[in-house]
Amino acid sequence: MRRCWLVGTICMALFAFGGHSSLAQEARSPKMVLKEQVFDFKEVKEGEVISHSFQVFNHGDEILRILRVRPGG
């Protein structure tokens, strides 16, 4: 009986410790937030040059590094 109680206590302690470390890592990371995720250009004539700027915000505690951007299809 004591052994079962001891194993249960150790498991609970490991679970509690693991939860806190993951929360701490999550709070100290970059978090990218876009004001808008999609923009519809409507009809565009062939050869017409168009552009749109997306506002990107970092709501995290670390530096946000954007290493690659791929347009959607």
PDB file of N, CA and C in Angstrom:
ATOM      1  N   MET A   1       0.821  -1.198   0.000  1.00  0.00           N
ATOM      2  CA  MET A   1       0.000   0.000   0.000  1.00  0.00           C
ATOM      3  C   MET A   1       0.868   1.267   0.000  1.00  0.00           C
ATOM      4  N   ARG A   2       1.926   1.251   0.832  1.00  0.00           N
ATOM      5  CA  ARG A   2       2.809   2.412   0.899  1.00  0.00           C
ATOM      6  C   ARG A   2       3.514   2.641  -0.442  1.00  0.00           C
ATOM      7  N   ARG A   3       3.893   1.552  -1.085  1.00  0.00           N
ATOM      8  CA  ARG A   3       4.586   1.683  -2.361  1.00  0.00           C
ATOM      9  C   ARG A   3       3.666   2.316  -3.413  1.00  0.00           C
ATOM     10  N   CYS A   4       2.424   1.930  -3.443  1.00  0.00           N
ATOM     11  CA  CYS A   4       1.452   2.498  -4.387  1.00  0.00           C
ATOM     12  C   CYS A   4       1.268   3.988  -4.123  1.00  0.00           C
ATOM     13  N   TRP A   5       1.181   4.356  -2.841  1.00  0.00           N
ATOM     14  CA  TRP A   5       1.025   5.762  -2.472  1.00  0.00           C
ATOM     15  C   TRP A   5       2.254   6.569  -2.890  1.00  0.00           C
ATOM     16  N   LEU A   6       3.449   5.986  -2.695  1.00  0.00           N
ATOM     17  CA  LEU A   6       4.693   6.660  -3.043  1.00  0.00           C
ATOM     18  C   LEU A   6       4.800   6.861  -4.558  1.00  0.00           C
ATOM     19  N   VAL A   7       4.470   5.841  -5.329  1.00  0.00           N
ATOM     20  CA  VAL A   7       4.510   5.948  -6.786  1.00  0.00           C
ATOM     21  C   VAL A   7       3.512   6.992  -7.273  1.00  0.00           C
ATOM     22  N   GLY A   8       2.327   7.004  -6.698  1.00  0.00           N
ATOM     23  CA  GLY A   8       1.310   7.997  -7.063  1.00  0.00           C
ATOM     24  C   GLY A   8       1.765   9.414  -6.757  1.00  0.00           C
ATOM     25  N   THR A   9       2.382   9.614  -5.617  1.00  0.00           N
ATOM     26  CA  THR A   9       2.872  10.933  -5.230  1.00  0.00           C
ATOM     27  C   THR A   9       3.977  11.405  -6.168  1.00  0.00           C
ATOM     28  N   ILE A  10       4.891  10.511  -6.521  1.00  0.00           N
ATOM     29  CA  ILE A  10       5.974  10.867  -7.433  1.00  0.00           C
ATOM     30  C   ILE A  10       5.416  11.229  -8.807  1.00  0.00           C
ATOM     31  N   CYS A  11       4.463  10.451  -9.293  1.00  0.00           N
ATOM     32  CA  CYS A  11       3.857  10.743 -10.599  1.00  0.00           C
ATOM     33  C   CYS A  11       3.167  12.101 -10.603  1.00  0.00           C
ATOM     34  N   MET A  12       2.449  12.405  -9.529  1.00  0.00           N
ATOM     35  CA  MET A  12       1.765  13.697  -9.446  1.00  0.00           C
ATOM     36  C   MET A  12       2.779  14.837  -9.414  1.00  0.00           C
ATOM     37  N   ALA A  13       3.881  14.660  -8.693  1.00  0.00           N
ATOM     38  CA  ALA A  13       4.904  15.701  -8.613  1.00  0.00           C
ATOM     39  C   ALA A  13       5.551  15.928  -9.979  1.00  0.00           C
ATOM     40  N   LEU A  14       5.858  14.852 -10.698  1.00  0.00           N
ATOM     41  CA  LEU A  14       6.448  14.990 -12.034  1.00  0.00           C
ATOM     42  C   LEU A  14       5.482  15.662 -12.995  1.00  0.00           C
ATOM     43  N   PHE A  15       4.215  15.316 -12.913  1.00  0.00           N
ATOM     44  CA  PHE A  15       3.207  15.930 -13.775  1.00  0.00           C
ATOM     45  C   PHE A  15       3.086  17.423 -13.485  1.00  0.00           C
ATOM     46  N   ALA A  16       3.070  17.789 -12.219  1.00  0.00           N
ATOM     47  CA  ALA A  16       2.954  19.201 -11.838  1.00  0.00           C
ATOM     48  C   ALA A  16       4.191  19.976 -12.268  1.00  0.00           C
ATOM     49  N   PHE A  17       5.372  19.414 -12.087  1.00  0.00           N
ATOM     50  CA  PHE A  17       6.607  20.087 -12.483  1.00  0.00           C
ATOM     51  C   PHE A  17       6.681  20.254 -13.995  1.00  0.00           C
ATOM     52  N   GLY A  18       6.309  19.248 -14.749  1.00  0.00           N
ATOM     53  CA  GLY A  18       6.322  19.313 -16.208  1.00  0.00           C
ATOM     54  C   GLY A  18       5.361  20.363 -16.730  1.00  0.00           C
ATOM     55  N   GLY A  19       4.212  20.523 -16.131  1.00  0.00           N
ATOM     56  CA  GLY A  19       3.233  21.523 -16.546  1.00  0.00           C
ATOM     57  C   GLY A  19       3.742  22.938 -16.377  1.00  0.00           C
ATOM     58  N   HIS A  20       4.433  23.190 -15.269  1.00  0.00           N
ATOM     59  CA  HIS A  20       4.945  24.541 -15.020  1.00  0.00           C
ATOM     60  C   HIS A  20       6.071  24.909 -15.974  1.00  0.00           C
ATOM     61  N   SER A  21       6.919  23.962 -16.311  1.00  0.00           N
ATOM     62  CA  SER A  21       8.030  24.291 -17.206  1.00  0.00           C
ATOM     63  C   SER A  21       7.522  24.587 -18.610  1.00  0.00           C
ATOM     64  N   SER A  22       6.499  23.872 -19.065  1.00  0.00           N
ATOM     65  CA  SER A  22       5.972  24.146 -20.397  1.00  0.00           C
ATOM     66  C   SER A  22       5.245  25.487 -20.441  1.00  0.00           C
ATOM     67  N   LEU A  23       4.589  25.873 -19.369  1.00  0.00           N
ATOM     68  CA  LEU A  23       3.927  27.169 -19.331  1.00  0.00           C
ATOM     69  C   LEU A  23       4.951  28.297 -19.351  1.00  0.00           C
ATOM     70  N   ALA A  24       6.057  28.108 -18.665  1.00  0.00           N
ATOM     71  CA  ALA A  24       7.089  29.135 -18.636  1.00  0.00           C
ATOM     72  C   ALA A  24       7.708  29.308 -20.025  1.00  0.00           C
ATOM     73  N   GLN A  25       7.918  28.215 -20.740  1.00  0.00           N
ATOM     74  CA  GLN A  25       8.480  28.312 -22.082  1.00  0.00           C
ATOM     75  C   GLN A  25       7.498  28.976 -23.031  1.00  0.00           C
ATOM     76  N   GLU A  26       6.229  28.672 -22.884  1.00  0.00           N
ATOM     77  CA  GLU A  26       5.217  29.245 -23.768  1.00  0.00           C
ATOM     78  C   GLU A  26       5.109  30.756 -23.571  1.00  0.00           C
ATOM     79  N   ALA A  27       5.238  31.224 -22.345  1.00  0.00           N
ATOM     80  CA  ALA A  27       5.119  32.650 -22.056  1.00  0.00           C
ATOM     81  C   ALA A  27       6.322  33.426 -22.596  1.00  0.00           C
ATOM     82  N   ARG A  28       7.470  32.772 -22.739  1.00  0.00           N
ATOM     83  CA  ARG A  28       8.684  33.441 -23.204  1.00  0.00           C
ATOM     84  C   ARG A  28       8.995  33.037 -24.636  1.00  0.00           C
ATOM     85  N   SER A  29       8.080  33.276 -25.523  1.00  0.00           N
ATOM     86  CA  SER A  29       8.297  32.954 -26.927  1.00  0.00           C
ATOM     87  C   SER A  29       7.648  34.018 -27.800  1.00  0.00           C
ATOM     88  N   PRO A  30       8.055  34.117 -29.071  1.00  0.00           N
ATOM     89  CA  PRO A  30       7.388  35.065 -29.965  1.00  0.00           C
ATOM     90  C   PRO A  30       5.989  34.573 -30.312  1.00  0.00           C
ATOM     91  N   LYS A  31       5.099  35.497 -30.568  1.00  0.00           N
ATOM     92  CA  LYS A  31       3.732  35.135 -30.964  1.00  0.00           C
ATOM     93  C   LYS A  31       3.303  36.088 -32.082  1.00  0.00           C
ATOM     94  N   MET A  32       3.217  35.554 -33.289  1.00  0.00           N
ATOM     95  CA  MET A  32       2.846  36.372 -34.439  1.00  0.00           C
ATOM     96  C   MET A  32       1.329  36.513 -34.506  1.00  0.00           C
ATOM     97  N   VAL A  33       0.881  37.747 -34.661  1.00  0.00           N
ATOM     98  CA  VAL A  33      -0.544  38.041 -34.794  1.00  0.00           C
ATOM     99  C   VAL A  33      -0.713  38.926 -36.028  1.00  0.00           C
ATOM    100  N   LEU A  34      -1.626  38.548 -36.901  1.00  0.00           N
ATOM    101  CA  LEU A  34      -1.918  39.334 -38.102  1.00  0.00           C
ATOM    102  C   LEU A  34      -3.226  40.079 -37.906  1.00  0.00           C
ATOM    103  N   LYS A  35      -3.248  41.352 -38.315  1.00  0.00           N
ATOM    104  CA  LYS A  35      -4.481  42.130 -38.229  1.00  0.00           C
ATOM    105  C   LYS A  35      -5.539  41.535 -39.154  1.00  0.00           C
ATOM    106  N   GLU A  36      -5.109  41.112 -40.345  1.00  0.00           N
ATOM    107  CA  GLU A  36      -5.990  40.413 -41.283  1.00  0.00           C
ATOM    108  C   GLU A  36      -5.196  39.276 -41.910  1.00  0.00           C
ATOM    109  N   GLN A  37      -5.825  38.139 -42.137  1.00  0.00           N
ATOM    110  CA  GLN A  37      -5.123  36.989 -42.679  1.00  0.00           C
ATOM    111  C   GLN A  37      -5.374  36.797 -44.168  1.00  0.00           C
ATOM    112  N   VAL A  38      -6.414  37.400 -44.699  1.00  0.00           N
ATOM    113  CA  VAL A  38      -6.777  37.244 -46.111  1.00  0.00           C
ATOM    114  C   VAL A  38      -7.121  38.607 -46.679  1.00  0.00           C
ATOM    115  N   PHE A  39      -6.729  38.842 -47.931  1.00  0.00           N
ATOM    116  CA  PHE A  39      -7.115  40.062 -48.620  1.00  0.00           C
ATOM    117  C   PHE A  39      -7.551  39.681 -50.025  1.00  0.00           C
ATOM    118  N   ASP A  40      -8.736  40.105 -50.418  1.00  0.00           N
ATOM    119  CA  ASP A  40      -9.280  39.787 -51.739  1.00  0.00           C
ATOM    120  C   ASP A  40      -9.074  40.983 -52.659  1.00  0.00           C
ATOM    121  N   PHE A  41      -8.323  40.793 -53.728  1.00  0.00           N
ATOM    122  CA  PHE A  41      -8.066  41.862 -54.684  1.00  0.00           C
ATOM    123  C   PHE A  41      -9.223  42.061 -55.664  1.00  0.00           C
ATOM    124  N   LYS A  42     -10.227  41.212 -55.593  1.00  0.00           N
ATOM    125  CA  LYS A  42     -11.361  41.231 -56.531  1.00  0.00           C
ATOM    126  C   LYS A  42     -10.846  40.948 -57.934  1.00  0.00           C
ATOM    127  N   GLU A  43     -11.392  41.629 -58.943  1.00  0.00           N
ATOM    128  CA  GLU A  43     -10.946  41.391 -60.320  1.00  0.00           C
ATOM    129  C   GLU A  43      -9.685  42.196 -60.623  1.00  0.00           C
ATOM    130  N   VAL A  44      -8.723  41.528 -61.257  1.00  0.00           N
ATOM    131  CA  VAL A  44      -7.469  42.173 -61.620  1.00  0.00           C
ATOM    132  C   VAL A  44      -7.240  41.936 -63.112  1.00  0.00           C
ATOM    133  N   LYS A  45      -6.943  43.000 -63.819  1.00  0.00           N
ATOM    134  CA  LYS A  45      -6.668  42.878 -65.251  1.00  0.00           C
ATOM    135  C   LYS A  45      -5.290  42.267 -65.458  1.00  0.00           C
ATOM    136  N   GLU A  46      -5.152  41.466 -66.486  1.00  0.00           N
ATOM    137  CA  GLU A  46      -3.881  40.819 -66.781  1.00  0.00           C
ATOM    138  C   GLU A  46      -2.789  41.865 -67.003  1.00  0.00           C
ATOM    139  N   GLY A  47      -1.659  41.658 -66.342  1.00  0.00           N
ATOM    140  CA  GLY A  47      -0.536  42.580 -66.468  1.00  0.00           C
ATOM    141  C   GLY A  47      -0.558  43.717 -65.464  1.00  0.00           C
ATOM    142  N   GLU A  48      -1.664  43.903 -64.760  1.00  0.00           N
ATOM    143  CA  GLU A  48      -1.774  44.980 -63.766  1.00  0.00           C
ATOM    144  C   GLU A  48      -0.924  44.639 -62.535  1.00  0.00           C
ATOM    145  N   VAL A  49      -0.168  45.601 -62.044  1.00  0.00           N
ATOM    146  CA  VAL A  49       0.653  45.403 -60.861  1.00  0.00           C
ATOM    147  C   VAL A  49      -0.170  45.778 -59.637  1.00  0.00           C
ATOM    148  N   ILE A  50      -0.261  44.856 -58.689  1.00  0.00           N
ATOM    149  CA  ILE A  50      -1.039  45.086 -57.469  1.00  0.00           C
ATOM    150  C   ILE A  50      -0.184  44.750 -56.259  1.00  0.00           C
ATOM    151  N   SER A  51      -0.529  45.339 -55.129  1.00  0.00           N
ATOM    152  CA  SER A  51       0.183  45.009 -53.888  1.00  0.00           C
ATOM    153  C   SER A  51      -0.744  45.244 -52.695  1.00  0.00           C
ATOM    154  N   HIS A  52      -0.385  44.623 -51.598  1.00  0.00           N
ATOM    155  CA  HIS A  52      -1.113  44.809 -50.345  1.00  0.00           C
ATOM    156  C   HIS A  52      -0.142  44.544 -49.203  1.00  0.00           C
ATOM    157  N   SER A  53      -0.194  45.328 -48.168  1.00  0.00           N
ATOM    158  CA  SER A  53       0.677  45.148 -47.006  1.00  0.00           C
ATOM    159  C   SER A  53      -0.120  44.545 -45.859  1.00  0.00           C
ATOM    160  N   PHE A  54       0.420  43.498 -45.279  1.00  0.00           N
ATOM    161  CA  PHE A  54      -0.182  42.881 -44.093  1.00  0.00           C
ATOM    162  C   PHE A  54       0.567  43.376 -42.869  1.00  0.00           C
ATOM    163  N   GLN A  55      -0.167  43.776 -41.841  1.00  0.00           N
ATOM    164  CA  GLN A  55       0.455  44.222 -40.601  1.00  0.00           C
ATOM    165  C   GLN A  55       0.706  43.003 -39.714  1.00  0.00           C
ATOM    166  N   VAL A  56       1.963  42.849 -39.297  1.00  0.00           N
ATOM    167  CA  VAL A  56       2.368  41.730 -38.457  1.00  0.00           C
ATOM    168  C   VAL A  56       2.786  42.287 -37.105  1.00  0.00           C
ATOM    169  N   PHE A  57       2.236  41.719 -36.040  1.00  0.00           N
ATOM    170  CA  PHE A  57       2.552  42.153 -34.680  1.00  0.00           C
ATOM    171  C   PHE A  57       3.156  40.995 -33.902  1.00  0.00           C
ATOM    172  N   ASN A  58       4.045  41.300 -32.992  1.00  0.00           N
ATOM    173  CA  ASN A  58       4.612  40.310 -32.092  1.00  0.00           C
ATOM    174  C   ASN A  58       4.019  40.530 -30.708  1.00  0.00           C
ATOM    175  N   HIS A  59       3.154  39.634 -30.277  1.00  0.00           N
ATOM    176  CA  HIS A  59       2.546  39.741 -28.953  1.00  0.00           C
ATOM    177  C   HIS A  59       3.241  38.831 -27.948  1.00  0.00           C
ATOM    178  N   GLY A  60       4.460  38.394 -28.270  1.00  0.00           N
ATOM    179  CA  GLY A  60       5.229  37.541 -27.372  1.00  0.00           C
ATOM    180  C   GLY A  60       6.319  38.318 -26.670  1.00  0.00           C
ATOM    181  N   ASP A  61       7.130  37.590 -25.913  1.00  0.00           N
ATOM    182  CA  ASP A  61       8.204  38.203 -25.123  1.00  0.00           C
ATOM    183  C   ASP A  61       9.570  38.111 -25.785  1.00  0.00           C
ATOM    184  N   GLU A  62       9.700  37.320 -26.834  1.00  0.00           N
ATOM    185  CA  GLU A  62      10.968  37.141 -27.523  1.00  0.00           C
ATOM    186  C   GLU A  62      10.907  37.794 -28.905  1.00  0.00           C
ATOM    187  N   ILE A  63      12.045  37.889 -29.567  1.00  0.00           N
ATOM    188  CA  ILE A  63      12.124  38.479 -30.902  1.00  0.00           C
ATOM    189  C   ILE A  63      11.437  37.557 -31.903  1.00  0.00           C
ATOM    190  N   LEU A  64      10.586  38.129 -32.736  1.00  0.00           N
ATOM    191  CA  LEU A  64       9.905  37.374 -33.793  1.00  0.00           C
ATOM    192  C   LEU A  64      10.752  37.463 -35.055  1.00  0.00           C
ATOM    193  N   ARG A  65      11.176  36.322 -35.550  1.00  0.00           N
ATOM    194  CA  ARG A  65      11.979  36.267 -36.777  1.00  0.00           C
ATOM    195  C   ARG A  65      11.144  35.608 -37.862  1.00  0.00           C
ATOM    196  N   ILE A  66      10.892  36.328 -38.945  1.00  0.00           N
ATOM    197  CA  ILE A  66      10.167  35.778 -40.089  1.00  0.00           C
ATOM    198  C   ILE A  66      11.218  35.372 -41.104  1.00  0.00           C
ATOM    199  N   LEU A  67      11.402  34.084 -41.269  1.00  0.00           N
ATOM    200  CA  LEU A  67      12.469  33.577 -42.125  1.00  0.00           C
ATOM    201  C   LEU A  67      12.018  33.269 -43.541  1.00  0.00           C
ATOM    202  N   ARG A  68      10.728  33.034 -43.735  1.00  0.00           N
ATOM    203  CA  ARG A  68      10.242  32.669 -45.067  1.00  0.00           C
ATOM    204  C   ARG A  68       8.769  33.064 -45.177  1.00  0.00           C
ATOM    205  N   VAL A  69       8.390  33.559 -46.347  1.00  0.00           N
ATOM    206  CA  VAL A  69       7.004  33.915 -46.610  1.00  0.00           C
ATOM    207  C   VAL A  69       6.595  33.212 -47.896  1.00  0.00           C
ATOM    208  N   ARG A  70       5.446  32.546 -47.878  1.00  0.00           N
ATOM    209  CA  ARG A  70       4.940  31.879 -49.071  1.00  0.00           C
ATOM    210  C   ARG A  70       3.528  32.400 -49.347  1.00  0.00           C
ATOM    211  N   PRO A  71       3.285  32.875 -50.546  1.00  0.00           N
ATOM    212  CA  PRO A  71       1.920  33.343 -50.882  1.00  0.00           C
ATOM    213  C   PRO A  71       0.958  32.171 -50.962  1.00  0.00           C
ATOM    214  N   GLY A  72      -0.291  32.412 -50.584  1.00  0.00           N
ATOM    215  CA  GLY A  72      -1.315  31.376 -50.667  1.00  0.00           C
ATOM    216  C   GLY A  72      -1.802  31.226 -52.101  1.00  0.00           C
ATOM    217  N   GLY A  73      -2.518  30.171 -52.340  1.00  0.00           N
ATOM    218  CA  GLY A  73      -2.959  29.915 -53.708  1.00  0.00           C
ATOM    219  C   GLY A  73      -4.434  29.828 -53.850  1.00  0.00           C
TER     220      GLY A  73
END
